[in-house]
Amino acid sequence: MLNPKLKLNPKLFNQDVEQVPIRKGFGQGLLLAGEIDKNVVALCADLTESTQMHCFQRDLLKWE
């Protein structure tokens, strides 16, 4: 369902907005989701660096 209260950032097309790769946002979002919910699982074959999934592993996985 669409949320009519959601709005785009008004600075979206400004020249001073920092441009970052989508993969970095994916990795940060995955990390945030894992911090909020301990049941979040992330699977990856060999793209952990390029998708920034290594941050999830580094910061959240505590091997006993």
N, C-alpha and C. Protein backbone atom coordinates (compact mmCIF):
# COMPACT_ATOMS: atom_id res chain seq x y z
N MET A 1 0.83 -1.19 0.00
CA MET A 1 0.00 0.00 0.00
C MET A 1 0.87 1.25 0.00
N LEU A 2 0.46 2.21 -0.73
CA LEU A 2 1.18 3.47 -0.75
C LEU A 2 0.80 4.32 0.46
N ASN A 3 1.77 5.01 0.99
CA ASN A 3 1.55 5.89 2.12
C ASN A 3 1.49 7.32 1.61
N PRO A 4 0.31 7.96 1.63
CA PRO A 4 0.19 9.32 1.09
C PRO A 4 0.95 10.37 1.92
N LYS A 5 1.40 10.01 3.12
CA LYS A 5 2.13 10.95 3.96
C LYS A 5 3.61 11.03 3.59
N LEU A 6 4.10 10.07 2.82
CA LEU A 6 5.50 10.07 2.42
C LEU A 6 5.74 11.10 1.32
N LYS A 7 6.81 11.84 1.44
CA LYS A 7 7.16 12.88 0.46
C LYS A 7 8.63 12.74 0.08
N LEU A 8 8.97 13.13 -1.13
CA LEU A 8 10.36 13.17 -1.55
C LEU A 8 11.07 14.32 -0.85
N ASN A 9 12.35 14.15 -0.64
CA ASN A 9 13.16 15.20 -0.06
C ASN A 9 13.15 16.40 -1.00
N PRO A 10 12.78 17.59 -0.52
CA PRO A 10 12.74 18.76 -1.41
C PRO A 10 14.11 19.14 -1.97
N LYS A 11 15.18 18.67 -1.37
CA LYS A 11 16.54 18.97 -1.85
C LYS A 11 17.04 17.92 -2.84
N LEU A 12 16.18 17.04 -3.29
CA LEU A 12 16.56 15.92 -4.11
C LEU A 12 17.41 16.31 -5.32
N PHE A 13 17.07 17.39 -5.98
CA PHE A 13 17.78 17.78 -7.21
C PHE A 13 18.75 18.94 -7.00
N ASN A 14 19.01 19.32 -5.77
CA ASN A 14 19.98 20.38 -5.49
C ASN A 14 21.40 19.88 -5.78
N GLN A 15 22.25 20.77 -6.19
CA GLN A 15 23.62 20.42 -6.52
C GLN A 15 24.46 20.05 -5.29
N ASP A 16 24.07 20.54 -4.10
CA ASP A 16 24.87 20.29 -2.90
C ASP A 16 24.47 19.02 -2.15
N VAL A 17 23.58 18.22 -2.71
CA VAL A 17 23.18 16.96 -2.09
C VAL A 17 24.26 15.92 -2.37
N GLU A 18 24.71 15.24 -1.31
CA GLU A 18 25.75 14.23 -1.47
C GLU A 18 25.22 13.04 -2.28
N GLN A 19 25.98 12.64 -3.27
CA GLN A 19 25.64 11.49 -4.12
C GLN A 19 26.43 10.28 -3.62
N VAL A 20 25.75 9.22 -3.27
CA VAL A 20 26.42 7.99 -2.83
C VAL A 20 25.86 6.82 -3.63
N PRO A 21 26.65 5.78 -3.80
CA PRO A 21 26.17 4.61 -4.54
C PRO A 21 25.00 3.92 -3.84
N ILE A 22 24.11 3.35 -4.62
CA ILE A 22 22.95 2.65 -4.08
C ILE A 22 23.40 1.52 -3.16
N ARG A 23 24.47 0.84 -3.52
CA ARG A 23 24.93 -0.30 -2.71
C ARG A 23 25.30 0.12 -1.29
N LYS A 24 25.80 1.35 -1.15
CA LYS A 24 26.14 1.83 0.19
C LYS A 24 24.86 2.01 1.01
N GLY A 25 23.84 2.56 0.39
CA GLY A 25 22.55 2.71 1.07
C GLY A 25 21.95 1.37 1.43
N PHE A 26 22.12 0.38 0.54
CA PHE A 26 21.62 -0.96 0.82
C PHE A 26 22.31 -1.53 2.05
N GLY A 27 23.62 -1.41 2.12
CA GLY A 27 24.37 -1.93 3.26
C GLY A 27 23.99 -1.23 4.56
N GLN A 28 23.83 0.09 4.50
CA GLN A 28 23.43 0.84 5.69
C GLN A 28 22.02 0.48 6.13
N GLY A 29 21.12 0.30 5.16
CA GLY A 29 19.75 -0.09 5.48
C GLY A 29 19.67 -1.48 6.08
N LEU A 30 20.48 -2.39 5.55
CA LEU A 30 20.54 -3.75 6.09
C LEU A 30 21.05 -3.73 7.52
N LEU A 31 22.07 -2.96 7.77
CA LEU A 31 22.61 -2.83 9.11
C LEU A 31 21.57 -2.26 10.07
N LEU A 32 20.87 -1.22 9.65
CA LEU A 32 19.83 -0.62 10.48
C LEU A 32 18.71 -1.62 10.76
N ALA A 33 18.30 -2.37 9.75
CA ALA A 33 17.25 -3.38 9.93
C ALA A 33 17.70 -4.44 10.92
N GLY A 34 18.96 -4.84 10.84
CA GLY A 34 19.50 -5.83 11.77
C GLY A 34 19.60 -5.32 13.19
N GLU A 35 19.86 -4.03 13.34
CA GLU A 35 19.90 -3.43 14.68
C GLU A 35 18.51 -3.37 15.29
N ILE A 36 17.51 -3.14 14.47
CA ILE A 36 16.13 -3.03 14.94
C ILE A 36 15.54 -4.40 15.23
N ASP A 37 15.83 -5.37 14.37
CA ASP A 37 15.22 -6.70 14.50
C ASP A 37 16.31 -7.76 14.43
N LYS A 38 16.53 -8.48 15.53
CA LYS A 38 17.60 -9.48 15.58
C LYS A 38 17.30 -10.69 14.69
N ASN A 39 16.10 -10.80 14.15
CA ASN A 39 15.73 -11.91 13.29
C ASN A 39 16.04 -11.66 11.81
N VAL A 40 16.62 -10.52 11.49
CA VAL A 40 16.99 -10.23 10.10
C VAL A 40 18.15 -11.14 9.70
N VAL A 41 18.03 -11.74 8.53
CA VAL A 41 19.05 -12.64 8.00
C VAL A 41 19.52 -12.09 6.66
N ALA A 42 20.81 -12.13 6.42
CA ALA A 42 21.38 -11.67 5.16
C ALA A 42 22.21 -12.79 4.55
N LEU A 43 21.91 -13.14 3.32
CA LEU A 43 22.65 -14.18 2.61
C LEU A 43 23.31 -13.59 1.37
N CYS A 44 24.54 -13.98 1.14
CA CYS A 44 25.25 -13.49 -0.03
C CYS A 44 26.33 -14.50 -0.41
N ALA A 45 26.59 -14.63 -1.68
CA ALA A 45 27.62 -15.57 -2.13
C ALA A 45 29.00 -14.92 -2.07
N ASP A 46 29.29 -14.02 -2.97
CA ASP A 46 30.62 -13.42 -2.99
C ASP A 46 30.58 -11.91 -3.23
N LEU A 47 29.46 -11.28 -2.97
CA LEU A 47 29.33 -9.85 -3.23
C LEU A 47 29.23 -9.02 -1.94
N THR A 48 29.71 -9.57 -0.84
CA THR A 48 29.55 -8.86 0.44
C THR A 48 30.22 -7.49 0.43
N GLU A 49 31.36 -7.38 -0.21
CA GLU A 49 32.05 -6.09 -0.26
C GLU A 49 31.30 -5.10 -1.15
N SER A 50 30.92 -5.51 -2.33
CA SER A 50 30.31 -4.57 -3.27
C SER A 50 28.90 -4.17 -2.85
N THR A 51 28.21 -5.01 -2.10
CA THR A 51 26.86 -4.66 -1.63
C THR A 51 26.90 -4.10 -0.21
N GLN A 52 28.09 -3.97 0.34
CA GLN A 52 28.29 -3.43 1.68
C GLN A 52 27.66 -4.30 2.77
N MET A 53 27.43 -5.57 2.48
CA MET A 53 26.88 -6.49 3.47
C MET A 53 27.91 -6.87 4.52
N HIS A 54 29.18 -6.61 4.26
CA HIS A 54 30.21 -6.93 5.24
C HIS A 54 30.03 -6.10 6.52
N CYS A 55 29.40 -4.94 6.42
CA CYS A 55 29.13 -4.11 7.61
C CYS A 55 28.15 -4.82 8.54
N PHE A 56 27.17 -5.49 7.96
CA PHE A 56 26.20 -6.27 8.73
C PHE A 56 26.93 -7.36 9.51
N GLN A 57 27.80 -8.07 8.81
CA GLN A 57 28.55 -9.15 9.45
C GLN A 57 29.50 -8.60 10.51
N ARG A 58 30.23 -7.57 10.18
CA ARG A 58 31.22 -6.99 11.09
C ARG A 58 30.59 -6.45 12.37
N ASP A 59 29.48 -5.74 12.23
CA ASP A 59 28.90 -5.03 13.37
C ASP A 59 27.87 -5.83 14.16
N LEU A 60 27.23 -6.80 13.53
CA LEU A 60 26.13 -7.47 14.22
C LEU A 60 26.38 -8.92 14.58
N LEU A 61 27.21 -9.62 13.83
CA LEU A 61 27.39 -11.04 14.11
C LEU A 61 28.48 -11.23 15.18
N LYS A 62 28.08 -11.82 16.25
CA LYS A 62 29.01 -12.12 17.34
C LYS A 62 29.11 -13.64 17.45
N TRP A 63 30.19 -14.18 16.96
CA TRP A 63 30.37 -15.63 16.98
C TRP A 63 30.79 -16.06 18.38
N GLU A 64 30.12 -17.03 18.89
CA GLU A 64 30.39 -17.56 20.24
C GLU A 64 31.43 -18.66 20.14
